[in-house]
All heavy atoms as atom14 arrays in JSON, in Angstrom:
{
  "sequence": "TNDLTTAKFLEFISAPQNRKDTRFLRAYLKEKGYELADNL",
  "atom14_mask": [
    [1, 1, 1, 1, 1, 1, 1, 0, 0, 0, 0, 0, 0, 0],
    [1, 1, 1, 1, 1, 1, 1, 1, 0, 0, 0, 0, 0, 0],
    [1, 1, 1, 1, 1, 1, 1, 1, 0, 0, 0, 0, 0, 0],
    [1, 1, 1, 1, 1, 1, 1, 1, 0, 0, 0, 0, 0, 0],
    [1, 1, 1, 1, 1, 1, 1, 0, 0, 0, 0, 0, 0, 0],
    [1, 1, 1, 1, 1, 1, 1, 0, 0, 0, 0, 0, 0, 0],
    [1, 1, 1, 1, 1, 0, 0, 0, 0, 0, 0, 0, 0, 0],
    [1, 1, 1, 1, 1, 1, 1, 1, 1, 0, 0, 0, 0, 0],
    [1, 1, 1, 1, 1, 1, 1, 1, 1, 1, 1, 0, 0, 0],
    [1, 1, 1, 1, 1, 1, 1, 1, 0, 0, 0, 0, 0, 0],
    [1, 1, 1, 1, 1, 1, 1, 1, 1, 0, 0, 0, 0, 0],
    [1, 1, 1, 1, 1, 1, 1, 1, 1, 1, 1, 0, 0, 0],
    [1, 1, 1, 1, 1, 1, 1, 1, 0, 0, 0, 0, 0, 0],
    [1, 1, 1, 1, 1, 1, 0, 0, 0, 0, 0, 0, 0, 0],
    [1, 1, 1, 1, 1, 0, 0, 0, 0, 0, 0, 0, 0, 0],
    [1, 1, 1, 1, 1, 1, 1, 0, 0, 0, 0, 0, 0, 0],
    [1, 1, 1, 1, 1, 1, 1, 1, 1, 0, 0, 0, 0, 0],
    [1, 1, 1, 1, 1, 1, 1, 1, 0, 0, 0, 0, 0, 0],
    [1, 1, 1, 1, 1, 1, 1, 1, 1, 1, 1, 0, 0, 0],
    [1, 1, 1, 1, 1, 1, 1, 1, 1, 0, 0, 0, 0, 0],
    [1, 1, 1, 1, 1, 1, 1, 1, 0, 0, 0, 0, 0, 0],
    [1, 1, 1, 1, 1, 1, 1, 0, 0, 0, 0, 0, 0, 0],
    [1, 1, 1, 1, 1, 1, 1, 1, 1, 1, 1, 0, 0, 0],
    [1, 1, 1, 1, 1, 1, 1, 1, 1, 1, 1, 0, 0, 0],
    [1, 1, 1, 1, 1, 1, 1, 1, 0, 0, 0, 0, 0, 0],
    [1, 1, 1, 1, 1, 1, 1, 1, 1, 1, 1, 0, 0, 0],
    [1, 1, 1, 1, 1, 0, 0, 0, 0, 0, 0, 0, 0, 0],
    [1, 1, 1, 1, 1, 1, 1, 1, 1, 1, 1, 1, 0, 0],
    [1, 1, 1, 1, 1, 1, 1, 1, 0, 0, 0, 0, 0, 0],
    [1, 1, 1, 1, 1, 1, 1, 1, 1, 0, 0, 0, 0, 0],
    [1, 1, 1, 1, 1, 1, 1, 1, 1, 0, 0, 0, 0, 0],
    [1, 1, 1, 1, 1, 1, 1, 1, 1, 0, 0, 0, 0, 0],
    [1, 1, 1, 1, 0, 0, 0, 0, 0, 0, 0, 0, 0, 0],
    [1, 1, 1, 1, 1, 1, 1, 1, 1, 1, 1, 1, 0, 0],
    [1, 1, 1, 1, 1, 1, 1, 1, 1, 0, 0, 0, 0, 0],
    [1, 1, 1, 1, 1, 1, 1, 1, 0, 0, 0, 0, 0, 0],
    [1, 1, 1, 1, 1, 0, 0, 0, 0, 0, 0, 0, 0, 0],
    [1, 1, 1, 1, 1, 1, 1, 1, 0, 0, 0, 0, 0, 0],
    [1, 1, 1, 1, 1, 1, 1, 1, 0, 0, 0, 0, 0, 0],
    [1, 1, 1, 1, 1, 1, 1, 1, 0, 0, 0, 0, 0, 0]
  ],
  "atom14_positions": [
    [[98.81, 118.58, 37.63], [97.7, 119.42, 38.03], [97.2, 119.09, 39.49], [96.76, 119.96, 40.22], [96.56, 119.41, 37.05], [96.35, 118.05, 36.65], [96.74, 120.28, 35.89], [0.0, 0.0, 0.0], [0.0, 0.0, 0.0], [0.0, 0.0, 0.0], [0.0, 0.0, 0.0], [0.0, 0.0, 0.0], [0.0, 0.0, 0.0], [0.0, 0.0, 0.0]],
    [[97.32, 117.83, 39.84], [96.91, 117.44, 41.19], [97.81, 117.95, 42.26], [97.43, 118.05, 43.44], [96.79, 115.91, 41.31], [95.62, 115.3, 40.52], [94.65, 116.08, 40.22], [95.73, 114.05, 40.17], [0.0, 0.0, 0.0], [0.0, 0.0, 0.0], [0.0, 0.0, 0.0], [0.0, 0.0, 0.0], [0.0, 0.0, 0.0], [0.0, 0.0, 0.0]],
    [[99.04, 118.29, 41.89], [100.06, 118.75, 42.87], [100.11, 120.28, 42.94], [100.89, 120.81, 43.71], [101.43, 118.25, 42.5], [101.57, 116.7, 42.78], [100.84, 116.23, 43.66], [102.43, 116.1, 42.15], [0.0, 0.0, 0.0], [0.0, 0.0, 0.0], [0.0, 0.0, 0.0], [0.0, 0.0, 0.0], [0.0, 0.0, 0.0], [0.0, 0.0, 0.0]],
    [[99.24, 120.96, 42.24], [99.26, 122.44, 42.3], [98.42, 122.92, 43.48], [97.35, 123.5, 43.36], [98.71, 123.04, 40.92], [99.53, 122.71, 39.75], [98.81, 123.33, 38.47], [100.96, 123.32, 39.87], [0.0, 0.0, 0.0], [0.0, 0.0, 0.0], [0.0, 0.0, 0.0], [0.0, 0.0, 0.0], [0.0, 0.0, 0.0], [0.0, 0.0, 0.0]],
    [[99.07, 122.7, 44.65], [98.37, 123.11, 45.86], [99.35, 123.93, 46.69], [100.59, 123.89, 46.51], [97.95, 121.85, 46.7], [99.17, 121.18, 47.13], [97.08, 120.92, 45.93], [0.0, 0.0, 0.0], [0.0, 0.0, 0.0], [0.0, 0.0, 0.0], [0.0, 0.0, 0.0], [0.0, 0.0, 0.0], [0.0, 0.0, 0.0], [0.0, 0.0, 0.0]],
    [[98.85, 124.7, 47.6], [99.72, 125.51, 48.48], [100.58, 124.56, 49.3], [101.83, 124.89, 49.44], [98.87, 126.36, 49.44], [98.01, 127.25, 48.68], [99.7, 127.19, 50.36], [0.0, 0.0, 0.0], [0.0, 0.0, 0.0], [0.0, 0.0, 0.0], [0.0, 0.0, 0.0], [0.0, 0.0, 0.0], [0.0, 0.0, 0.0], [0.0, 0.0, 0.0]],
    [[100.07, 123.52, 49.84], [100.92, 122.58, 50.66], [102.07, 122.03, 49.78], [103.2, 121.96, 50.29], [100.08, 121.43, 51.21], [0.0, 0.0, 0.0], [0.0, 0.0, 0.0], [0.0, 0.0, 0.0], [0.0, 0.0, 0.0], [0.0, 0.0, 0.0], [0.0, 0.0, 0.0], [0.0, 0.0, 0.0], [0.0, 0.0, 0.0], [0.0, 0.0, 0.0]],
    [[101.86, 121.65, 48.55], [102.88, 121.11, 47.72], [103.94, 122.18, 47.36], [105.12, 121.9, 47.27], [102.34, 120.49, 46.46], [101.59, 119.16, 46.73], [102.52, 118.08, 47.01], [101.79, 116.75, 47.09], [102.61, 115.62, 47.39], [0.0, 0.0, 0.0], [0.0, 0.0, 0.0], [0.0, 0.0, 0.0], [0.0, 0.0, 0.0], [0.0, 0.0, 0.0]],
    [[103.47, 123.42, 47.18], [104.4, 124.51, 46.84], [105.25, 124.79, 48.08], [106.48, 124.93, 47.94], [103.64, 125.76, 46.42], [104.57, 126.93, 46.12], [105.33, 126.92, 44.96], [104.71, 127.95, 47.02], [106.19, 127.97, 44.69], [105.59, 129.03, 46.75], [106.31, 129.02, 45.57], [0.0, 0.0, 0.0], [0.0, 0.0, 0.0], [0.0, 0.0, 0.0]],
    [[104.73, 124.77, 49.28], [105.47, 125.04, 50.49], [106.48, 123.92, 50.67], [107.64, 124.11, 51.11], [104.55, 125.16, 51.73], [103.66, 126.41, 51.69], [102.74, 126.38, 52.91], [104.44, 127.69, 51.63], [0.0, 0.0, 0.0], [0.0, 0.0, 0.0], [0.0, 0.0, 0.0], [0.0, 0.0, 0.0], [0.0, 0.0, 0.0], [0.0, 0.0, 0.0]],
    [[106.05, 122.71, 50.35], [107.0, 121.56, 50.46], [108.15, 121.71, 49.42], [109.31, 121.46, 49.78], [106.16, 120.25, 50.14], [106.88, 119.0, 50.35], [105.95, 117.8, 50.12], [105.06, 117.58, 50.87], [106.19, 117.12, 49.08], [0.0, 0.0, 0.0], [0.0, 0.0, 0.0], [0.0, 0.0, 0.0], [0.0, 0.0, 0.0], [0.0, 0.0, 0.0]],
    [[107.77, 122.19, 48.25], [108.8, 122.41, 47.15], [109.81, 123.45, 47.6], [111.03, 123.23, 47.47], [108.1, 122.85, 45.91], [109.04, 123.15, 44.79], [109.55, 122.16, 44.0], [109.27, 124.49, 44.43], [110.44, 122.43, 42.94], [110.09, 124.79, 43.36], [110.69, 123.77, 42.61], [0.0, 0.0, 0.0], [0.0, 0.0, 0.0], [0.0, 0.0, 0.0]],
    [[109.42, 124.6, 48.12], [110.39, 125.64, 48.52], [111.1, 125.27, 49.79], [112.18, 125.82, 50.03], [109.71, 127.03, 48.61], [108.72, 127.09, 49.77], [109.09, 127.49, 47.32], [108.19, 128.45, 50.09], [0.0, 0.0, 0.0], [0.0, 0.0, 0.0], [0.0, 0.0, 0.0], [0.0, 0.0, 0.0], [0.0, 0.0, 0.0], [0.0, 0.0, 0.0]],
    [[110.58, 124.31, 50.57], [111.27, 123.87, 51.79], [112.15, 122.71, 51.56], [112.94, 122.32, 52.48], [110.24, 123.53, 52.85], [109.48, 124.63, 53.19], [0.0, 0.0, 0.0], [0.0, 0.0, 0.0], [0.0, 0.0, 0.0], [0.0, 0.0, 0.0], [0.0, 0.0, 0.0], [0.0, 0.0, 0.0], [0.0, 0.0, 0.0], [0.0, 0.0, 0.0]],
    [[112.17, 122.13, 50.38], [113.04, 120.94, 50.11], [114.46, 121.36, 50.23], [114.88, 122.53, 49.89], [112.77, 120.46, 48.72], [0.0, 0.0, 0.0], [0.0, 0.0, 0.0], [0.0, 0.0, 0.0], [0.0, 0.0, 0.0], [0.0, 0.0, 0.0], [0.0, 0.0, 0.0], [0.0, 0.0, 0.0], [0.0, 0.0, 0.0], [0.0, 0.0, 0.0]],
    [[115.31, 120.49, 50.84], [116.73, 120.85, 51.04], [117.43, 121.4, 49.84], [118.22, 122.39, 49.96], [117.32, 119.53, 51.52], [116.17, 118.78, 52.05], [115.01, 119.15, 51.26], [0.0, 0.0, 0.0], [0.0, 0.0, 0.0], [0.0, 0.0, 0.0], [0.0, 0.0, 0.0], [0.0, 0.0, 0.0], [0.0, 0.0, 0.0], [0.0, 0.0, 0.0]],
    [[117.14, 120.88, 48.69], [117.82, 121.31, 47.48], [117.31, 122.74, 46.98], [117.98, 123.31, 46.14], [117.74, 120.32, 46.3], [116.29, 119.99, 45.88], [115.62, 118.95, 46.65], [115.95, 118.68, 47.83], [114.69, 118.22, 46.07], [0.0, 0.0, 0.0], [0.0, 0.0, 0.0], [0.0, 0.0, 0.0], [0.0, 0.0, 0.0], [0.0, 0.0, 0.0]],
    [[116.21, 123.21, 47.53], [115.68, 124.53, 47.11], [115.74, 125.56, 48.21], [115.41, 126.79, 47.96], [114.21, 124.37, 46.65], [114.13, 123.49, 45.42], [115.04, 123.43, 44.63], [113.04, 122.74, 45.32], [0.0, 0.0, 0.0], [0.0, 0.0, 0.0], [0.0, 0.0, 0.0], [0.0, 0.0, 0.0], [0.0, 0.0, 0.0], [0.0, 0.0, 0.0]],
    [[116.26, 125.2, 49.35], [116.28, 126.16, 50.47], [117.14, 127.35, 50.22], [116.81, 128.47, 50.59], [116.71, 125.45, 51.76], [115.62, 124.42, 52.2], [116.06, 123.6, 53.41], [116.24, 124.48, 54.57], [115.23, 124.96, 55.31], [114.02, 124.76, 55.02], [115.5, 125.74, 56.34], [0.0, 0.0, 0.0], [0.0, 0.0, 0.0], [0.0, 0.0, 0.0]],
    [[118.28, 127.18, 49.61], [119.2, 128.28, 49.37], [118.56, 129.36, 48.55], [118.78, 130.55, 48.77], [120.51, 127.79, 48.71], [121.51, 128.84, 48.4], [122.77, 128.28, 47.75], [123.64, 129.39, 47.32], [123.87, 129.4, 45.88], [0.0, 0.0, 0.0], [0.0, 0.0, 0.0], [0.0, 0.0, 0.0], [0.0, 0.0, 0.0], [0.0, 0.0, 0.0]],
    [[117.78, 128.95, 47.51], [117.21, 129.89, 46.58], [115.88, 130.42, 46.97], [115.24, 131.13, 46.24], [117.12, 129.23, 45.22], [118.49, 128.95, 44.6], [119.43, 129.78, 44.81], [118.66, 127.9, 43.98], [0.0, 0.0, 0.0], [0.0, 0.0, 0.0], [0.0, 0.0, 0.0], [0.0, 0.0, 0.0], [0.0, 0.0, 0.0], [0.0, 0.0, 0.0]],
    [[115.4, 130.04, 48.18], [114.08, 130.48, 48.65], [114.18, 131.02, 50.06], [113.15, 131.08, 50.78], [113.06, 129.39, 48.59], [113.42, 128.27, 49.4], [112.79, 128.96, 47.14], [0.0, 0.0, 0.0], [0.0, 0.0, 0.0], [0.0, 0.0, 0.0], [0.0, 0.0, 0.0], [0.0, 0.0, 0.0], [0.0, 0.0, 0.0], [0.0, 0.0, 0.0]],
    [[115.33, 131.39, 50.54], [115.46, 131.8, 51.93], [114.71, 133.05, 52.3], [114.1, 133.12, 53.38], [116.97, 131.9, 52.36], [117.71, 133.02, 51.74], [119.17, 132.93, 52.17], [119.9, 134.0, 51.49], [120.51, 134.98, 52.17], [120.47, 135.01, 53.47], [121.17, 135.89, 51.49], [0.0, 0.0, 0.0], [0.0, 0.0, 0.0], [0.0, 0.0, 0.0]],
    [[114.65, 134.06, 51.44], [113.93, 135.27, 51.77], [112.41, 134.95, 51.65], [111.63, 135.45, 52.42], [114.3, 136.37, 50.77], [115.62, 136.98, 51.07], [116.79, 136.47, 50.31], [115.84, 137.92, 51.99], [118.02, 137.02, 50.59], [117.07, 138.46, 52.24], [118.18, 138.01, 51.58], [0.0, 0.0, 0.0], [0.0, 0.0, 0.0], [0.0, 0.0, 0.0]],
    [[112.04, 134.18, 50.68], [110.6, 133.81, 50.54], [110.1, 133.02, 51.73], [109.03, 133.31, 52.28], [110.39, 133.0, 49.25], [109.0, 132.36, 49.02], [107.99, 133.54, 48.97], [109.04, 131.55, 47.75], [0.0, 0.0, 0.0], [0.0, 0.0, 0.0], [0.0, 0.0, 0.0], [0.0, 0.0, 0.0], [0.0, 0.0, 0.0], [0.0, 0.0, 0.0]],
    [[110.86, 132.07, 52.21], [110.47, 131.3, 53.37], [110.41, 132.16, 54.61], [109.47, 132.01, 55.4], [111.41, 130.08, 53.56], [111.19, 129.0, 52.52], [112.08, 127.79, 52.7], [113.49, 128.09, 52.43], [114.43, 128.26, 53.36], [114.1, 128.11, 54.62], [115.63, 128.56, 53.08], [0.0, 0.0, 0.0], [0.0, 0.0, 0.0], [0.0, 0.0, 0.0]],
    [[111.39, 133.04, 54.78], [111.34, 133.97, 55.93], [110.08, 134.86, 55.88], [109.43, 135.1, 56.9], [112.57, 134.81, 55.95], [0.0, 0.0, 0.0], [0.0, 0.0, 0.0], [0.0, 0.0, 0.0], [0.0, 0.0, 0.0], [0.0, 0.0, 0.0], [0.0, 0.0, 0.0], [0.0, 0.0, 0.0], [0.0, 0.0, 0.0], [0.0, 0.0, 0.0]],
    [[109.79, 135.39, 54.66], [108.61, 136.21, 54.45], [107.31, 135.51, 54.81], [106.44, 136.0, 55.51], [108.58, 136.7, 53.0], [107.4, 137.63, 52.72], [107.46, 138.97, 52.97], [106.22, 137.11, 52.15], [106.37, 139.82, 52.7], [105.14, 137.93, 51.86], [105.24, 139.27, 52.18], [104.13, 140.07, 51.92], [0.0, 0.0, 0.0], [0.0, 0.0, 0.0]],
    [[107.19, 134.27, 54.36], [106.01, 133.44, 54.6], [105.87, 133.06, 56.06], [104.73, 133.11, 56.56], [105.97, 132.16, 53.71], [105.83, 132.4, 52.23], [106.07, 131.12, 51.52], [104.5, 133.05, 51.92], [0.0, 0.0, 0.0], [0.0, 0.0, 0.0], [0.0, 0.0, 0.0], [0.0, 0.0, 0.0], [0.0, 0.0, 0.0], [0.0, 0.0, 0.0]],
    [[106.96, 132.81, 56.73], [106.97, 132.53, 58.14], [106.46, 133.77, 58.9], [105.62, 133.7, 59.83], [108.29, 132.09, 58.67], [108.65, 130.67, 58.35], [109.99, 130.34, 58.97], [110.45, 128.97, 58.5], [111.78, 128.65, 59.05], [0.0, 0.0, 0.0], [0.0, 0.0, 0.0], [0.0, 0.0, 0.0], [0.0, 0.0, 0.0], [0.0, 0.0, 0.0]],
    [[106.95, 134.95, 58.5], [106.55, 136.23, 59.1], [105.06, 136.41, 58.95], [104.4, 137.0, 59.84], [107.35, 137.33, 58.47], [107.09, 138.68, 59.01], [107.9, 139.78, 58.28], [109.12, 139.67, 58.2], [107.28, 140.66, 57.68], [0.0, 0.0, 0.0], [0.0, 0.0, 0.0], [0.0, 0.0, 0.0], [0.0, 0.0, 0.0], [0.0, 0.0, 0.0]],
    [[104.47, 135.95, 57.86], [103.04, 136.12, 57.59], [102.18, 134.99, 58.2], [100.98, 134.98, 57.97], [102.81, 136.17, 56.06], [103.51, 137.35, 55.36], [103.04, 138.66, 55.88], [103.72, 139.81, 55.23], [103.39, 141.09, 55.8], [0.0, 0.0, 0.0], [0.0, 0.0, 0.0], [0.0, 0.0, 0.0], [0.0, 0.0, 0.0], [0.0, 0.0, 0.0]],
    [[102.82, 134.05, 58.88], [102.06, 133.04, 59.62], [101.97, 131.65, 58.89], [101.29, 130.76, 59.42], [0.0, 0.0, 0.0], [0.0, 0.0, 0.0], [0.0, 0.0, 0.0], [0.0, 0.0, 0.0], [0.0, 0.0, 0.0], [0.0, 0.0, 0.0], [0.0, 0.0, 0.0], [0.0, 0.0, 0.0], [0.0, 0.0, 0.0], [0.0, 0.0, 0.0]],
    [[102.64, 131.51, 57.79], [102.67, 130.16, 57.15], [103.56, 129.22, 57.91], [104.69, 129.61, 58.32], [103.06, 130.25, 55.7], [102.01, 130.84, 54.83], [101.94, 132.22, 54.63], [101.03, 129.99, 54.2], [100.96, 132.72, 53.81], [100.09, 130.55, 53.41], [100.01, 131.89, 53.19], [99.09, 132.42, 52.46], [0.0, 0.0, 0.0], [0.0, 0.0, 0.0]],
    [[103.13, 127.96, 58.04], [104.01, 126.93, 58.66], [104.79, 126.22, 57.54], [104.16, 125.72, 56.6], [103.21, 125.98, 59.43], [102.72, 126.53, 60.74], [102.14, 125.5, 61.67], [102.66, 124.38, 61.66], [101.18, 125.82, 62.3], [0.0, 0.0, 0.0], [0.0, 0.0, 0.0], [0.0, 0.0, 0.0], [0.0, 0.0, 0.0], [0.0, 0.0, 0.0]],
    [[106.06, 126.25, 57.67], [106.93, 125.58, 56.68], [107.65, 124.45, 57.38], [108.04, 124.5, 58.52], [107.96, 126.55, 56.13], [107.42, 127.77, 55.41], [108.5, 128.68, 55.05], [106.56, 127.39, 54.24], [0.0, 0.0, 0.0], [0.0, 0.0, 0.0], [0.0, 0.0, 0.0], [0.0, 0.0, 0.0], [0.0, 0.0, 0.0], [0.0, 0.0, 0.0]],
    [[107.91, 123.38, 56.63], [108.61, 122.21, 57.16], [110.07, 122.51, 57.04], [110.72, 122.5, 55.95], [108.24, 120.96, 56.37], [0.0, 0.0, 0.0], [0.0, 0.0, 0.0], [0.0, 0.0, 0.0], [0.0, 0.0, 0.0], [0.0, 0.0, 0.0], [0.0, 0.0, 0.0], [0.0, 0.0, 0.0], [0.0, 0.0, 0.0], [0.0, 0.0, 0.0]],
    [[110.73, 122.83, 58.19], [112.15, 123.13, 58.21], [113.05, 121.91, 58.31], [114.23, 121.94, 58.07], [112.5, 124.12, 59.36], [111.96, 125.52, 59.08], [111.9, 125.9, 57.91], [111.68, 126.2, 60.04], [0.0, 0.0, 0.0], [0.0, 0.0, 0.0], [0.0, 0.0, 0.0], [0.0, 0.0, 0.0], [0.0, 0.0, 0.0], [0.0, 0.0, 0.0]],
    [[112.43, 120.82, 58.7], [113.26, 119.67, 58.99], [112.97, 118.51, 57.98], [113.1, 117.38, 58.29], [112.97, 119.15, 60.4], [111.51, 118.84, 60.57], [110.67, 119.1, 59.8], [111.17, 118.31, 61.79], [0.0, 0.0, 0.0], [0.0, 0.0, 0.0], [0.0, 0.0, 0.0], [0.0, 0.0, 0.0], [0.0, 0.0, 0.0], [0.0, 0.0, 0.0]],
    [[112.64, 118.88, 56.76], [112.37, 117.85, 55.72], [113.68, 117.17, 55.41], [114.73, 117.75, 55.19], [111.84, 118.49, 54.45], [110.4, 119.08, 54.55], [110.07, 119.79, 53.25], [109.39, 117.98, 54.87], [0.0, 0.0, 0.0], [0.0, 0.0, 0.0], [0.0, 0.0, 0.0], [0.0, 0.0, 0.0], [0.0, 0.0, 0.0], [0.0, 0.0, 0.0]]
  ]
}
């Protein structure tokens, strides 16, 4: 419950092992102005 934050979710979808399955989501969020960690 302490990890249910936007920052932790963005970290989760940006994790190398999850990037393939979230590529459209990450592109959409970047387009909307969210900063994602691309170099994790």
